[in-house]
């Protein structure tokens, strides 16, 4: 009888929100997924979502240059949860209008496609502004038939601790 490996890895990356740190960020996330027996497709979807959110924070959160970012991640057998925290300008990406993907790239307005992809890839995406910080939480289930409440629960717990009202709770 073979023994199943336990998959419950947690970690937090903190650093400067600079695009040149993207490799370090993806290495951090991928190291947490090791030993969880996630499919290659699952890991690729996580990598795409991480790259998109991280790059957007690097590019748009700080008007005066790079600021700090924290990424909290939990890899469990049944899901992967990621929370991005930055103190850049307040921005709820979930309020972006979905792009019209029936139009050609030349006809579409620039912007919005990345968060659209993230919302399609991840099972849950939620946003809140906590003590001057943007908090974006994403969950991807191995079996996507799972309930879609974990990212909202995490955001609610953060709000309860810091005494804020959640803005834009949006399960996808």
Protein backbone atom coordinates (compact mmCIF):
# COMPACT_ATOMS: atom_id res chain seq x y z
CA UNK A 1 0.00 0.00 0.00
CA UNK A 2 1.51 3.31 -1.07
CA UNK A 3 1.33 6.28 1.21
CA UNK A 4 -0.22 9.49 -0.14
CA UNK A 5 1.85 12.61 0.25
CA UNK A 6 0.34 15.40 2.28
CA UNK A 7 -0.18 18.51 0.23
CA UNK A 8 -0.53 21.60 2.35
CA UNK A 9 2.06 24.22 1.57
CA UNK A 10 1.83 27.85 2.68
CA UNK A 11 4.05 30.77 1.98
CA UNK A 12 4.29 34.51 1.60
CA UNK A 13 6.38 36.43 -0.91
CA UNK A 14 7.15 40.05 -0.13
CA UNK A 15 9.17 42.36 -2.29
CA UNK A 16 9.16 45.21 -4.77
CA UNK A 17 6.48 45.14 -7.46
CA UNK A 18 8.86 45.16 -10.43
CA UNK A 19 8.39 43.17 -13.61
CA UNK A 20 11.94 41.84 -13.36
CA UNK A 21 10.83 39.96 -10.20
CA UNK A 22 8.18 37.97 -12.08
CA UNK A 23 10.46 34.91 -12.35
CA UNK A 24 11.03 34.95 -8.59
CA UNK A 25 7.28 35.24 -7.98
CA UNK A 26 6.39 32.33 -10.30
CA UNK A 27 9.20 30.23 -8.77
CA UNK A 28 7.73 30.95 -5.32
CA UNK A 29 4.23 29.87 -6.39
CA UNK A 30 5.49 26.82 -8.27
CA UNK A 31 7.55 25.70 -5.28
CA UNK A 32 4.38 25.61 -3.19
CA UNK A 33 2.61 23.48 -5.82
CA UNK A 34 5.37 20.83 -5.69
CA UNK A 35 4.15 17.59 -4.16
CA UNK A 36 0.48 18.43 -4.67
CA UNK A 37 0.11 16.27 -7.80
CA UNK A 38 -1.61 19.09 -9.67
CA UNK A 39 -2.00 18.48 -13.39
CA UNK A 40 0.19 20.39 -15.82
CA UNK A 41 -2.93 22.23 -17.03
CA UNK A 42 -3.83 23.27 -13.48
CA UNK A 43 -0.30 24.58 -12.84
CA UNK A 44 -0.25 26.44 -16.17
CA UNK A 45 -3.56 28.13 -15.33
CA UNK A 46 -2.20 29.22 -11.96
CA UNK A 47 0.95 30.57 -13.63
CA UNK A 48 -1.10 32.56 -16.16
CA UNK A 49 -3.27 34.11 -13.42
CA UNK A 50 -0.22 34.94 -11.27
CA UNK A 51 1.62 36.51 -14.19
CA UNK A 52 -1.38 38.60 -15.21
CA UNK A 53 -2.20 39.95 -11.75
CA UNK A 54 1.43 40.53 -10.77
CA UNK A 55 2.25 42.30 -14.05
CA UNK A 56 -0.81 44.54 -13.72
CA UNK A 57 0.22 45.54 -10.21
CA UNK A 58 3.77 46.28 -11.40
CA UNK A 59 2.51 48.30 -14.35
CA UNK A 60 -0.38 50.27 -12.86
CA UNK A 61 -0.53 50.27 -9.05
CA UNK A 62 2.23 52.76 -8.35
CA UNK A 63 2.29 56.00 -10.32
CA UNK A 64 5.59 57.08 -8.76
CA UNK A 65 7.48 53.84 -9.48
CA UNK A 66 7.57 50.42 -7.91
CA UNK A 67 6.06 49.84 -4.51
CA UNK A 68 5.78 46.83 -2.28
CA UNK A 69 3.72 43.71 -2.84
CA UNK A 70 2.86 40.68 -0.74
CA UNK A 71 1.58 37.43 -2.18
CA UNK A 72 0.15 34.91 0.24
CA UNK A 73 -0.34 31.43 -1.20
CA UNK A 74 -1.79 28.19 0.09
CA UNK A 75 -1.54 24.99 -1.93
CA UNK A 76 -3.75 22.14 -0.75
CA UNK A 77 -4.68 18.88 -2.41
CA UNK A 78 -8.09 20.20 -3.51
CA UNK A 79 -7.25 23.84 -4.31
CA UNK A 80 -4.74 26.66 -4.68
CA UNK A 81 -5.44 30.02 -3.06
CA UNK A 82 -3.52 33.21 -3.83
CA UNK A 83 -3.88 36.62 -2.22
CA UNK A 84 -2.16 39.69 -3.73
CA UNK A 85 -1.74 42.71 -1.46
CA UNK A 86 -0.37 46.08 -2.60
CA UNK A 87 -0.58 49.64 -1.33
CA UNK A 88 -0.90 51.20 -4.75
CA UNK A 89 -3.78 53.35 -5.96
CA UNK A 90 -7.21 51.93 -5.18
CA UNK A 91 -8.37 49.79 -8.06
CA UNK A 92 -11.01 47.08 -8.21
CA UNK A 93 -10.26 45.06 -11.36
CA UNK A 94 -13.55 43.19 -10.97
CA UNK A 95 -15.41 46.36 -11.94
CA UNK A 96 -13.80 46.27 -15.39
CA UNK A 97 -16.28 45.63 -18.14
CA UNK A 98 -15.63 42.31 -19.87
CA UNK A 99 -14.10 42.81 -23.31
CA UNK A 100 -16.13 41.88 -26.36
CA UNK A 101 -14.16 38.81 -27.42
CA UNK A 102 -16.29 38.46 -30.55
CA UNK A 103 -14.45 41.47 -32.00
CA UNK A 104 -11.04 41.16 -33.62
CA UNK A 105 -7.99 42.37 -31.69
CA UNK A 106 -7.89 45.47 -33.92
CA UNK A 107 -11.54 46.32 -33.17
CA UNK A 108 -11.37 45.77 -29.39
CA UNK A 109 -10.44 48.48 -26.94
CA UNK A 110 -7.09 48.01 -25.22
CA UNK A 111 -7.29 46.64 -21.70
CA UNK A 112 -9.48 44.27 -19.72
CA UNK A 113 -8.51 41.06 -21.48
CA UNK A 114 -6.08 39.99 -18.73
CA UNK A 115 -8.55 40.21 -15.85
CA UNK A 116 -11.14 38.56 -18.13
CA UNK A 117 -8.72 35.62 -18.58
CA UNK A 118 -8.10 35.44 -14.83
CA UNK A 119 -11.83 35.36 -14.14
CA UNK A 120 -12.24 32.55 -16.67
CA UNK A 121 -9.30 30.54 -15.29
CA UNK A 122 -9.92 30.91 -11.56
CA UNK A 123 -12.99 29.60 -9.78
CA UNK A 124 -13.22 32.56 -7.39
CA UNK A 125 -11.88 36.08 -7.54
CA UNK A 126 -12.66 38.72 -4.91
CA UNK A 127 -11.37 42.20 -4.14
CA UNK A 128 -11.37 44.51 -1.14
CA UNK A 129 -9.61 47.69 -0.05
CA UNK A 130 -8.14 47.16 3.44
CA UNK A 131 -6.37 49.95 5.35
CA UNK A 132 -5.20 51.61 2.15
CA UNK A 133 -4.23 48.34 0.48
CA UNK A 134 -5.67 46.48 -2.49
CA UNK A 135 -6.42 42.85 -1.59
CA UNK A 136 -7.21 40.49 -4.46
CA UNK A 137 -7.92 36.88 -3.54
CA UNK A 138 -8.17 34.05 -6.08
CA UNK A 139 -9.01 30.36 -5.66
CA UNK A 140 -8.66 27.54 -8.17
CA UNK A 141 -10.13 24.14 -7.31
CA UNK A 142 -8.65 20.93 -8.63
CA UNK A 143 -12.23 19.76 -9.05
CA UNK A 144 -13.91 22.97 -10.17
CA UNK A 145 -17.31 21.65 -9.13
CA UNK A 146 -16.41 22.76 -5.57
CA UNK A 147 -18.20 25.53 -3.74
CA UNK A 148 -17.09 29.07 -4.52
CA UNK A 149 -16.94 30.64 -1.09
CA UNK A 150 -13.30 30.39 0.07
CA UNK A 151 -11.95 33.61 -1.45
CA UNK A 152 -14.94 35.52 -0.13
CA UNK A 153 -14.44 33.98 3.32
CA UNK A 154 -10.77 34.99 3.39
CA UNK A 155 -11.64 38.53 2.34
CA UNK A 156 -14.41 38.69 4.95
CA UNK A 157 -12.01 37.47 7.66
CA UNK A 158 -9.44 40.10 6.65
CA UNK A 159 -12.19 42.73 6.80
CA UNK A 160 -13.32 41.53 10.21
CA UNK A 161 -9.77 41.82 11.54
CA UNK A 162 -9.13 45.28 10.07
CA UNK A 163 -12.67 46.63 10.35
CA UNK A 164 -13.52 47.42 6.75
CA UNK A 165 -16.45 46.81 4.48
CA UNK A 166 -15.69 44.58 1.50
CA UNK A 167 -15.97 46.27 -1.87
CA UNK A 168 -16.86 44.28 -4.96
CA UNK A 169 -17.36 40.78 -3.60
CA UNK A 170 -17.72 38.92 -6.83
CA UNK A 171 -17.52 35.15 -7.08
CA UNK A 172 -17.06 34.11 -10.68
